[in-house]
């Protein structure tokens, strides 16, 4: 029992520290970014037709067989991503609260605003993305907000969904927030993990910006293609 408590203490101290929370945000952010990129690549199979996209969706459920049962890998992935998301959001909220508590009285004279738009929208943009994740699950996984949802036919569900103009607005707005979040978060995570330096800073910034454009733009291609009739 004593050994148990001793072993837990460093973990608690790590989580209680500001740098610990920032490291948790950086690591979980990197994990979520990797998933978002892979998911984006999979979505682009939409342009290859219904058979390719539906086959890809079925393949995701068979990963790990016969060691894992059908869909087990997908559920393990979902649990890991959910834990990462909860840790990421919790650390972000607690860091914001800690920052406000450290400076309860605002400055008498406002400091010159040098922060980029991505930095200024980071907090509420993150909240917007968290709500969008819930919407996305209800839309494409559960199907409760998709009026023409057909279980087991992701291509049909995707096309049917993006033929509704206001659904496209929701997704495109969320993708804009995602791009801004990646743009700032990538550089911030690199600094936290000690990857960046005076020599690498410009390269990391360029890579982060490129990653934001590629991911947000890659996701946006599908709803735009459905809206314009390129995919039907």
Foldseek 3Di string as FASTA:
>chain_A
DVVVVVVCVVVVVLLPDLLSLLLLLLVLVVVVLVVLVVVLVLVVCLLVDQVSNLVVVQVCQCPPPPVDDGNPNVVVVVVVNVVSLVSNLVSVVVSVVVVCVVPVDDDPDDDDDPDDPLVVCQPVLSVLLVVVVVVVCCQQPVNVPQPDDDPSRNSVSLLSQLLDPVSLVSLLVNLVSQLSNQLVSQLSSCVSVVNDDPVCSVVSNVVSNVSSCCSSVSNNVSSVCSNVVVRD
